[in-house]
Amino acid sequence: MKRLAAWIDKQFNLKCCRESIRKTLKNLGFSWKKARKLLNKANSKKRREFLEKLKGLLDDALHNGGMTKYV
């Protein structure tokens, strides 16, 4: 949130506190989670399998307009 407040200040010359930004985003329907580092728990085999499945899903969605063969 601190980086977003700094960006708003730089782009729009508008100073506002992090809490105001948070409340505004929440009122607009946005939500978020703080990123967590999981690299030390990565399983390269599972990651590779996931990426292959994801690539297939994306290709199917782009070319066929659906994901019927993976559901």
PDB file of N, CA and C in Angstrom:
ATOM      1  N   MET A   1       0.827  -1.182   0.000  1.00  0.00           N
ATOM      2  CA  MET A   1       0.000   0.000   0.000  1.00  0.00           C
ATOM      3  C   MET A   1       0.879   1.257   0.000  1.00  0.00           C
ATOM      4  N   LYS A   2       2.032   1.142   0.641  1.00  0.00           N
ATOM      5  CA  LYS A   2       2.936   2.283   0.702  1.00  0.00           C
ATOM      6  C   LYS A   2       3.425   2.658  -0.693  1.00  0.00           C
ATOM      7  N   ARG A   3       3.732   1.647  -1.508  1.00  0.00           N
ATOM      8  CA  ARG A   3       4.204   1.919  -2.874  1.00  0.00           C
ATOM      9  C   ARG A   3       3.098   2.518  -3.726  1.00  0.00           C
ATOM     10  N   LEU A   4       1.872   2.075  -3.520  1.00  0.00           N
ATOM     11  CA  LEU A   4       0.742   2.634  -4.259  1.00  0.00           C
ATOM     12  C   LEU A   4       0.529   4.101  -3.889  1.00  0.00           C
ATOM     13  N   ALA A   5       0.627   4.423  -2.615  1.00  0.00           N
ATOM     14  CA  ALA A   5       0.486   5.811  -2.177  1.00  0.00           C
ATOM     15  C   ALA A   5       1.580   6.680  -2.793  1.00  0.00           C
ATOM     16  N   ALA A   6       2.798   6.172  -2.853  1.00  0.00           N
ATOM     17  CA  ALA A   6       3.901   6.926  -3.470  1.00  0.00           C
ATOM     18  C   ALA A   6       3.662   7.112  -4.962  1.00  0.00           C
ATOM     19  N   TRP A   7       3.127   6.083  -5.636  1.00  0.00           N
ATOM     20  CA  TRP A   7       2.850   6.185  -7.066  1.00  0.00           C
ATOM     21  C   TRP A   7       1.763   7.226  -7.330  1.00  0.00           C
ATOM     22  N   ILE A   8       0.701   7.223  -6.518  1.00  0.00           N
ATOM     23  CA  ILE A   8      -0.379   8.207  -6.679  1.00  0.00           C
ATOM     24  C   ILE A   8       0.163   9.612  -6.486  1.00  0.00           C
ATOM     25  N   ASP A   9       1.014   9.787  -5.493  1.00  0.00           N
ATOM     26  CA  ASP A   9       1.621  11.093  -5.252  1.00  0.00           C
ATOM     27  C   ASP A   9       2.457  11.532  -6.450  1.00  0.00           C
ATOM     28  N   LYS A  10       3.248  10.621  -6.995  1.00  0.00           N
ATOM     29  CA  LYS A  10       4.119  10.955  -8.126  1.00  0.00           C
ATOM     30  C   LYS A  10       3.319  11.217  -9.405  1.00  0.00           C
ATOM     31  N   GLN A  11       2.339  10.379  -9.703  1.00  0.00           N
ATOM     32  CA  GLN A  11       1.577  10.490 -10.949  1.00  0.00           C
ATOM     33  C   GLN A  11       0.581  11.647 -10.946  1.00  0.00           C
ATOM     34  N   PHE A  12      -0.092  11.853  -9.823  1.00  0.00           N
ATOM     35  CA  PHE A  12      -1.190  12.802  -9.782  1.00  0.00           C
ATOM     36  C   PHE A  12      -0.948  13.986  -8.843  1.00  0.00           C
ATOM     37  N   ASN A  13       0.221  14.012  -8.218  1.00  0.00           N
ATOM     38  CA  ASN A  13       0.547  15.046  -7.238  1.00  0.00           C
ATOM     39  C   ASN A  13      -0.566  15.159  -6.193  1.00  0.00           C
ATOM     40  N   LEU A  14      -0.997  14.002  -5.723  1.00  0.00           N
ATOM     41  CA  LEU A  14      -2.092  13.909  -4.775  1.00  0.00           C
ATOM     42  C   LEU A  14      -1.617  13.123  -3.563  1.00  0.00           C
ATOM     43  N   LYS A  15      -1.585  13.764  -2.426  1.00  0.00           N
ATOM     44  CA  LYS A  15      -1.133  13.091  -1.215  1.00  0.00           C
ATOM     45  C   LYS A  15      -2.338  12.548  -0.460  1.00  0.00           C
ATOM     46  N   CYS A  16      -2.292  11.257  -0.173  1.00  0.00           N
ATOM     47  CA  CYS A  16      -3.342  10.638   0.619  1.00  0.00           C
ATOM     48  C   CYS A  16      -2.718   9.503   1.428  1.00  0.00           C
ATOM     49  N   CYS A  17      -3.342   9.201   2.532  1.00  0.00           N
ATOM     50  CA  CYS A  17      -2.784   8.173   3.410  1.00  0.00           C
ATOM     51  C   CYS A  17      -3.177   6.785   2.896  1.00  0.00           C
ATOM     52  N   ARG A  18      -2.459   5.795   3.359  1.00  0.00           N
ATOM     53  CA  ARG A  18      -2.693   4.409   2.940  1.00  0.00           C
ATOM     54  C   ARG A  18      -4.090   3.930   3.307  1.00  0.00           C
ATOM     55  N   GLU A  19      -4.580   4.369   4.455  1.00  0.00           N
ATOM     56  CA  GLU A  19      -5.909   3.943   4.890  1.00  0.00           C
ATOM     57  C   GLU A  19      -6.989   4.485   3.956  1.00  0.00           C
ATOM     58  N   SER A  20      -6.843   5.710   3.481  1.00  0.00           N
ATOM     59  CA  SER A  20      -7.804   6.274   2.523  1.00  0.00           C
ATOM     60  C   SER A  20      -7.798   5.491   1.222  1.00  0.00           C
ATOM     61  N   ILE A  21      -6.623   5.112   0.774  1.00  0.00           N
ATOM     62  CA  ILE A  21      -6.505   4.324  -0.450  1.00  0.00           C
ATOM     63  C   ILE A  21      -7.146   2.957  -0.247  1.00  0.00           C
ATOM     64  N   ARG A  22      -6.879   2.336   0.877  1.00  0.00           N
ATOM     65  CA  ARG A  22      -7.434   1.022   1.178  1.00  0.00           C
ATOM     66  C   ARG A  22      -8.962   1.068   1.201  1.00  0.00           C
ATOM     67  N   LYS A  23      -9.531   2.067   1.885  1.00  0.00           N
ATOM     68  CA  LYS A  23     -10.987   2.184   1.970  1.00  0.00           C
ATOM     69  C   LYS A  23     -11.601   2.439   0.596  1.00  0.00           C
ATOM     70  N   THR A  24     -10.966   3.274  -0.205  1.00  0.00           N
ATOM     71  CA  THR A  24     -11.472   3.577  -1.543  1.00  0.00           C
ATOM     72  C   THR A  24     -11.473   2.329  -2.412  1.00  0.00           C
ATOM     73  N   LEU A  25     -10.376   1.589  -2.407  1.00  0.00           N
ATOM     74  CA  LEU A  25     -10.303   0.370  -3.202  1.00  0.00           C
ATOM     75  C   LEU A  25     -11.342  -0.650  -2.736  1.00  0.00           C
ATOM     76  N   LYS A  26     -11.517  -0.774  -1.439  1.00  0.00           N
ATOM     77  CA  LYS A  26     -12.505  -1.706  -0.897  1.00  0.00           C
ATOM     78  C   LYS A  26     -13.907  -1.305  -1.326  1.00  0.00           C
ATOM     79  N   ASN A  27     -14.217  -0.007  -1.279  1.00  0.00           N
ATOM     80  CA  ASN A  27     -15.543   0.473  -1.696  1.00  0.00           C
ATOM     81  C   ASN A  27     -15.786   0.235  -3.182  1.00  0.00           C
ATOM     82  N   LEU A  28     -14.719   0.204  -3.966  1.00  0.00           N
ATOM     83  CA  LEU A  28     -14.837  -0.058  -5.405  1.00  0.00           C
ATOM     84  C   LEU A  28     -14.931  -1.552  -5.713  1.00  0.00           C
ATOM     85  N   GLY A  29     -14.816  -2.385  -4.668  1.00  0.00           N
ATOM     86  CA  GLY A  29     -14.962  -3.819  -4.860  1.00  0.00           C
ATOM     87  C   GLY A  29     -13.658  -4.574  -5.054  1.00  0.00           C
ATOM     88  N   PHE A  30     -12.528  -3.909  -4.883  1.00  0.00           N
ATOM     89  CA  PHE A  30     -11.246  -4.573  -5.030  1.00  0.00           C
ATOM     90  C   PHE A  30     -10.859  -5.267  -3.729  1.00  0.00           C
ATOM     91  N   SER A  31     -10.138  -6.370  -3.848  1.00  0.00           N
ATOM     92  CA  SER A  31      -9.588  -7.044  -2.681  1.00  0.00           C
ATOM     93  C   SER A  31      -8.210  -7.563  -3.067  1.00  0.00           C
ATOM     94  N   TRP A  32      -7.398  -7.882  -2.081  1.00  0.00           N
ATOM     95  CA  TRP A  32      -6.044  -8.328  -2.360  1.00  0.00           C
ATOM     96  C   TRP A  32      -5.509  -9.119  -1.180  1.00  0.00           C
ATOM     97  N   LYS A  33      -4.472  -9.844  -1.467  1.00  0.00           N
ATOM     98  CA  LYS A  33      -3.742 -10.558  -0.428  1.00  0.00           C
ATOM     99  C   LYS A  33      -2.284 -10.178  -0.554  1.00  0.00           C
ATOM    100  N   LYS A  34      -1.623 -10.126   0.555  1.00  0.00           N
ATOM    101  CA  LYS A  34      -0.200  -9.856   0.538  1.00  0.00           C
ATOM    102  C   LYS A  34       0.520 -11.084  -0.021  1.00  0.00           C
ATOM    103  N   ALA A  35       1.456 -10.832  -0.911  1.00  0.00           N
ATOM    104  CA  ALA A  35       2.199 -11.935  -1.528  1.00  0.00           C
ATOM    105  C   ALA A  35       3.066 -12.631  -0.484  1.00  0.00           C
ATOM    106  N   ARG A  36       3.152 -13.950  -0.623  1.00  0.00           N
ATOM    107  CA  ARG A  36       4.007 -14.735   0.266  1.00  0.00           C
ATOM    108  C   ARG A  36       5.045 -15.457  -0.572  1.00  0.00           C
ATOM    109  N   LYS A  37       6.225 -15.549  -0.037  1.00  0.00           N
ATOM    110  CA  LYS A  37       7.284 -16.268  -0.725  1.00  0.00           C
ATOM    111  C   LYS A  37       7.137 -17.762  -0.458  1.00  0.00           C
ATOM    112  N   LEU A  38       7.074 -18.542  -1.526  1.00  0.00           N
ATOM    113  CA  LEU A  38       6.942 -19.985  -1.374  1.00  0.00           C
ATOM    114  C   LEU A  38       8.049 -20.729  -2.106  1.00  0.00           C
ATOM    115  N   LEU A  39       9.066 -20.026  -2.546  1.00  0.00           N
ATOM    116  CA  LEU A  39      10.090 -20.645  -3.363  1.00  0.00           C
ATOM    117  C   LEU A  39      10.822 -21.772  -2.653  1.00  0.00           C
ATOM    118  N   ASN A  40      10.984 -21.664  -1.354  1.00  0.00           N
ATOM    119  CA  ASN A  40      11.701 -22.718  -0.643  1.00  0.00           C
ATOM    120  C   ASN A  40      10.886 -24.011  -0.553  1.00  0.00           C
ATOM    121  N   LYS A  41       9.588 -23.952  -0.830  1.00  0.00           N
ATOM    122  CA  LYS A  41       8.734 -25.132  -0.771  1.00  0.00           C
ATOM    123  C   LYS A  41       8.404 -25.656  -2.163  1.00  0.00           C
ATOM    124  N   ALA A  42       8.999 -25.085  -3.181  1.00  0.00           N
ATOM    125  CA  ALA A  42       8.651 -25.442  -4.553  1.00  0.00           C
ATOM    126  C   ALA A  42       9.027 -26.888  -4.860  1.00  0.00           C
ATOM    127  N   ASN A  43       8.126 -27.564  -5.552  1.00  0.00           N
ATOM    128  CA  ASN A  43       8.354 -28.917  -6.023  1.00  0.00           C
ATOM    129  C   ASN A  43       8.415 -28.820  -7.540  1.00  0.00           C
ATOM    130  N   SER A  44       9.603 -28.977  -8.105  1.00  0.00           N
ATOM    131  CA  SER A  44       9.792 -28.738  -9.530  1.00  0.00           C
ATOM    132  C   SER A  44       8.957 -29.675 -10.401  1.00  0.00           C
ATOM    133  N   LYS A  45       8.758 -30.915  -9.972  1.00  0.00           N
ATOM    134  CA  LYS A  45       7.954 -31.859 -10.760  1.00  0.00           C
ATOM    135  C   LYS A  45       6.493 -31.415 -10.803  1.00  0.00           C
ATOM    136  N   LYS A  46       5.927 -31.071  -9.637  1.00  0.00           N
ATOM    137  CA  LYS A  46       4.544 -30.616  -9.588  1.00  0.00           C
ATOM    138  C   LYS A  46       4.368 -29.300 -10.337  1.00  0.00           C
ATOM    139  N   ARG A  47       5.360 -28.421 -10.236  1.00  0.00           N
ATOM    140  CA  ARG A  47       5.294 -27.144 -10.937  1.00  0.00           C
ATOM    141  C   ARG A  47       5.268 -27.371 -12.446  1.00  0.00           C
ATOM    142  N   ARG A  48       6.106 -28.240 -12.937  1.00  0.00           N
ATOM    143  CA  ARG A  48       6.175 -28.543 -14.367  1.00  0.00           C
ATOM    144  C   ARG A  48       4.842 -29.127 -14.848  1.00  0.00           C
ATOM    145  N   GLU A  49       4.269 -30.066 -14.069  1.00  0.00           N
ATOM    146  CA  GLU A  49       2.978 -30.654 -14.421  1.00  0.00           C
ATOM    147  C   GLU A  49       1.880 -29.589 -14.454  1.00  0.00           C
ATOM    148  N   PHE A  50       1.894 -28.708 -13.463  1.00  0.00           N
ATOM    149  CA  PHE A  50       0.900 -27.641 -13.412  1.00  0.00           C
ATOM    150  C   PHE A  50       1.021 -26.718 -14.621  1.00  0.00           C
ATOM    151  N   LEU A  51       2.256 -26.337 -14.971  1.00  0.00           N
ATOM    152  CA  LEU A  51       2.458 -25.444 -16.108  1.00  0.00           C
ATOM    153  C   LEU A  51       2.025 -26.088 -17.418  1.00  0.00           C
ATOM    154  N   GLU A  52       2.257 -27.392 -17.562  1.00  0.00           N
ATOM    155  CA  GLU A  52       1.811 -28.094 -18.773  1.00  0.00           C
ATOM    156  C   GLU A  52       0.288 -28.097 -18.860  1.00  0.00           C
ATOM    157  N   LYS A  53      -0.376 -28.359 -17.742  1.00  0.00           N
ATOM    158  CA  LYS A  53      -1.837 -28.360 -17.727  1.00  0.00           C
ATOM    159  C   LYS A  53      -2.368 -26.952 -17.999  1.00  0.00           C
ATOM    160  N   LEU A  54      -1.750 -25.958 -17.386  1.00  0.00           N
ATOM    161  CA  LEU A  54      -2.168 -24.575 -17.583  1.00  0.00           C
ATOM    162  C   LEU A  54      -2.000 -24.154 -19.037  1.00  0.00           C
ATOM    163  N   LYS A  55      -0.905 -24.528 -19.648  1.00  0.00           N
ATOM    164  CA  LYS A  55      -0.675 -24.195 -21.049  1.00  0.00           C
ATOM    165  C   LYS A  55      -1.761 -24.806 -21.922  1.00  0.00           C
ATOM    166  N   GLY A  56      -2.118 -26.050 -21.648  1.00  0.00           N
ATOM    167  CA  GLY A  56      -3.187 -26.707 -22.391  1.00  0.00           C
ATOM    168  C   GLY A  56      -4.520 -25.988 -22.223  1.00  0.00           C
ATOM    169  N   LEU A  57      -4.822 -25.588 -21.001  1.00  0.00           N
ATOM    170  CA  LEU A  57      -6.068 -24.864 -20.742  1.00  0.00           C
ATOM    171  C   LEU A  57      -6.102 -23.531 -21.485  1.00  0.00           C
ATOM    172  N   LEU A  58      -5.003 -22.802 -21.440  1.00  0.00           N
ATOM    173  CA  LEU A  58      -4.944 -21.506 -22.112  1.00  0.00           C
ATOM    174  C   LEU A  58      -5.025 -21.661 -23.620  1.00  0.00           C
ATOM    175  N   ASP A  59      -4.312 -22.630 -24.172  1.00  0.00           N
ATOM    176  CA  ASP A  59      -4.381 -22.871 -25.619  1.00  0.00           C
ATOM    177  C   ASP A  59      -5.804 -23.204 -26.043  1.00  0.00           C
ATOM    178  N   ASP A  60      -6.460 -24.075 -25.292  1.00  0.00           N
ATOM    179  CA  ASP A  60      -7.828 -24.464 -25.614  1.00  0.00           C
ATOM    180  C   ASP A  60      -8.775 -23.257 -25.539  1.00  0.00           C
ATOM    181  N   ALA A  61      -8.612 -22.451 -24.500  1.00  0.00           N
ATOM    182  CA  ALA A  61      -9.476 -21.278 -24.335  1.00  0.00           C
ATOM    183  C   ALA A  61      -9.266 -20.283 -25.473  1.00  0.00           C
ATOM    184  N   LEU A  62      -8.025 -20.101 -25.900  1.00  0.00           N
ATOM    185  CA  LEU A  62      -7.741 -19.144 -26.961  1.00  0.00           C
ATOM    186  C   LEU A  62      -8.200 -19.641 -28.325  1.00  0.00           C
ATOM    187  N   HIS A  63      -8.029 -20.913 -28.597  1.00  0.00           N
ATOM    188  CA  HIS A  63      -8.314 -21.428 -29.927  1.00  0.00           C
ATOM    189  C   HIS A  63      -9.713 -21.987 -30.100  1.00  0.00           C
ATOM    190  N   ASN A  64     -10.264 -22.557 -29.051  1.00  0.00           N
ATOM    191  CA  ASN A  64     -11.572 -23.217 -29.163  1.00  0.00           C
ATOM    192  C   ASN A  64     -12.671 -22.494 -28.397  1.00  0.00           C
ATOM    193  N   GLY A  65     -12.294 -21.498 -27.631  1.00  0.00           N
ATOM    194  CA  GLY A  65     -13.294 -20.743 -26.878  1.00  0.00           C
ATOM    195  C   GLY A  65     -13.838 -21.461 -25.655  1.00  0.00           C
ATOM    196  N   GLY A  66     -13.184 -22.529 -25.232  1.00  0.00           N
ATOM    197  CA  GLY A  66     -13.659 -23.249 -24.053  1.00  0.00           C
ATOM    198  C   GLY A  66     -12.627 -24.195 -23.507  1.00  0.00           C
ATOM    199  N   MET A  67     -12.954 -24.813 -22.383  1.00  0.00           N
ATOM    200  CA  MET A  67     -12.026 -25.717 -21.734  1.00  0.00           C
ATOM    201  C   MET A  67     -12.679 -27.073 -21.532  1.00  0.00           C
ATOM    202  N   THR A  68     -13.364 -27.575 -22.514  1.00  0.00           N
ATOM    203  CA  THR A  68     -14.169 -28.773 -22.339  1.00  0.00           C
ATOM    204  C   THR A  68     -13.355 -30.024 -22.090  1.00  0.00           C
ATOM    205  N   LYS A  69     -12.198 -30.166 -22.721  1.00  0.00           N
ATOM    206  CA  LYS A  69     -11.465 -31.423 -22.582  1.00  0.00           C
ATOM    207  C   LYS A  69     -10.726 -31.563 -21.255  1.00  0.00           C
ATOM    208  N   TYR A  70     -10.658 -30.494 -20.445  1.00  0.00           N
ATOM    209  CA  TYR A  70      -9.931 -30.554 -19.181  1.00  0.00           C
ATOM    210  C   TYR A  70     -10.853 -30.588 -17.971  1.00  0.00           C
ATOM    211  N   VAL A  71     -12.123 -30.442 -18.189  1.00  0.00           N
ATOM    212  CA  VAL A  71     -13.042 -30.380 -17.060  1.00  0.00           C
ATOM    213  C   VAL A  71     -13.525 -31.754 -16.690  1.00  0.00           C
TER     214      VAL A  71
END
